[in-house]
C-alpha atoms as a PDB file:
ATOM      1  CA  MET A   1     -77.477 -30.843  54.344  1.00  0.00           C
ATOM      2  CA  ALA A   2     -75.921 -29.147  57.311  1.00  0.00           C
ATOM      3  CA  ARG A   3     -73.404 -26.711  57.290  1.00  0.00           C
ATOM      4  CA  TYR A   4     -70.573 -25.703  60.137  1.00  0.00           C
ATOM      5  CA  VAL A   5     -70.869 -21.806  59.942  1.00  0.00           C
ATOM      6  CA  ARG A   6     -68.265 -20.566  62.301  1.00  0.00           C
ATOM      7  CA  LEU A   7     -69.300 -17.010  63.818  1.00  0.00           C
ATOM      8  CA  GLU A   8     -66.920 -14.748  66.143  1.00  0.00           C
ATOM      9  CA  ARG A   9     -68.720 -11.712  66.841  1.00  0.00           C
ATOM     10  CA  ASP A  10     -70.435 -10.658  69.603  1.00  0.00           C
ATOM     11  CA  GLY A  11     -72.300  -8.350  68.651  1.00  0.00           C
ATOM     12  CA  PRO A  12     -74.376  -6.667  65.438  1.00  0.00           C
ATOM     13  CA  TYR A  13     -72.477  -4.727  62.408  1.00  0.00           C
ATOM     14  CA  ARG A  14     -74.006  -1.150  62.151  1.00  0.00           C
ATOM     15  CA  ILE A  15     -74.908   0.213  58.765  1.00  0.00           C
ATOM     16  CA  ASP A  16     -76.027   3.541  58.496  1.00  0.00           C
ATOM     17  CA  PRO A  17     -77.573   4.214  55.113  1.00  0.00           C
ATOM     18  CA  GLN A  18     -79.684   7.080  56.230  1.00  0.00           C
ATOM     19  CA  GLU A  19     -81.032   8.595  59.051  1.00  0.00           C
ATOM     20  CA  LYS A  20     -81.746   5.445  61.110  1.00  0.00           C
ATOM     21  CA  PRO A  21     -79.468   2.858  61.574  1.00  0.00           C
ATOM     22  CA  VAL A  22     -79.687  -0.571  60.615  1.00  0.00           C
ATOM     23  CA  PHE A  23     -77.842  -3.604  62.295  1.00  0.00           C
ATOM     24  CA  VAL A  24     -77.428  -6.939  61.088  1.00  0.00           C
ATOM     25  CA  CYS A  25     -76.564 -10.126  63.288  1.00  0.00           C
ATOM     26  CA  GLY A  26     -72.981 -11.059  63.709  1.00  0.00           C
ATOM     27  CA  CYS A  27     -73.130 -13.641  66.039  1.00  0.00           C
ATOM     28  CA  GLY A  28     -75.581 -15.942  64.127  1.00  0.00           C
ATOM     29  CA  LEU A  29     -77.987 -16.368  67.031  1.00  0.00           C
ATOM     30  CA  SER A  30     -80.955 -13.700  66.045  1.00  0.00           C
ATOM     31  CA  GLN A  31     -84.067 -15.178  65.124  1.00  0.00           C
ATOM     32  CA  ASN A  32     -84.822 -12.329  62.598  1.00  0.00           C
ATOM     33  CA  MET A  33     -81.740 -13.157  60.267  1.00  0.00           C
ATOM     34  CA  PRO A  34     -79.977 -10.546  58.628  1.00  0.00           C
ATOM     35  CA  PHE A  35     -81.040  -8.417  61.508  1.00  0.00           C
ATOM     36  CA  CYS A  36     -80.141  -8.173  64.899  1.00  0.00           C
ATOM     37  CA  ASP A  37     -83.004  -8.409  67.534  1.00  0.00           C
ATOM     38  CA  GLY A  38     -80.423  -8.789  70.772  1.00  0.00           C
ATOM     39  CA  SER A  39     -79.550 -12.378  71.125  1.00  0.00           C
ATOM     40  CA  HIS A  40     -75.925 -11.323  70.892  1.00  0.00           C
ATOM     41  CA  LYS A  41     -76.549 -11.273  74.904  1.00  0.00           C
ATOM     42  CA  ALA A  42     -76.065 -14.512  75.364  1.00  0.00           C
ATOM     43  CA  CYS A  43     -72.499 -14.331  74.026  1.00  0.00           C
ATOM     44  CA  ALA A  44     -71.460 -12.225  77.137  1.00  0.00           C
ATOM     45  CA  GLN A  45     -71.745 -16.058  79.098  1.00  0.00           C
ATOM     46  CA  GLU A  46     -69.330 -17.698  76.463  1.00  0.00           C
ATOM     47  CA  GLU A  47     -65.883 -18.526  77.872  1.00  0.00           C
ATOM     48  CA  PRO A  48     -62.701 -17.124  75.912  1.00  0.00           C
ATOM     49  CA  GLY A  49     -60.554 -19.766  74.327  1.00  0.00           C
ATOM     50  CA  LYS A  50     -64.068 -21.794  74.279  1.00  0.00           C
ATOM     51  CA  LEU A  51     -66.428 -23.148  71.353  1.00  0.00           C
ATOM     52  CA  ASP A  52     -69.563 -23.136  71.961  1.00  0.00           C
ATOM     53  CA  VAL A  53     -72.394 -25.338  69.474  1.00  0.00           C
ATOM     54  CA  TYR A  54     -75.790 -23.966  69.458  1.00  0.00           C
ATOM     55  CA  ASP A  55     -79.114 -26.095  68.862  1.00  0.00           C
ATOM     56  CA  ALA A  56     -80.921 -25.530  65.576  1.00  0.00           C
ATOM     57  CA  SER A  57     -83.131 -22.787  67.819  1.00  0.00           C
ATOM     58  CA  ARG A  58     -79.928 -21.159  68.440  1.00  0.00           C
ATOM     59  CA  ARG A  59     -81.024 -20.221  72.153  1.00  0.00           C
ATOM     60  CA  ASN A  60     -79.171 -23.500  73.378  1.00  0.00           C
ATOM     61  CA  VAL A  61     -75.798 -24.198  74.255  1.00  0.00           C
ATOM     62  CA  ILE A  62     -75.136 -28.325  73.366  1.00  0.00           C
ATOM     63  CA  GLU A  63     -71.775 -28.713  73.505  1.00  0.00           C
ATOM     64  CA  GLN A  64     -68.668 -26.738  74.503  1.00  0.00           C
ATOM     65  CA  ARG A  65     -65.597 -27.370  72.789  1.00  0.00           C
ATOM     66  CA  ASP A  66     -62.067 -26.231  73.005  1.00  0.00           C
ATOM     67  CA  ASP A  67     -61.263 -23.745  70.377  1.00  0.00           C
ATOM     68  CA  GLN A  68     -58.496 -24.482  68.109  1.00  0.00           C
END
């Protein structure tokens, strides 16, 4: 069953558990979940006040709606 999950961050969460930080995806576009792979750079093209709906690959915007 498909689920609609709204992710509002445009960057990762930084976690400092040891000497090297770990970055966890906050935008939902990473291909390496739960870790950040830099895919959040696509969020820079998103318009404020709009909701972008991505395809199953999380690479292409298939629909843009007004954010309600």
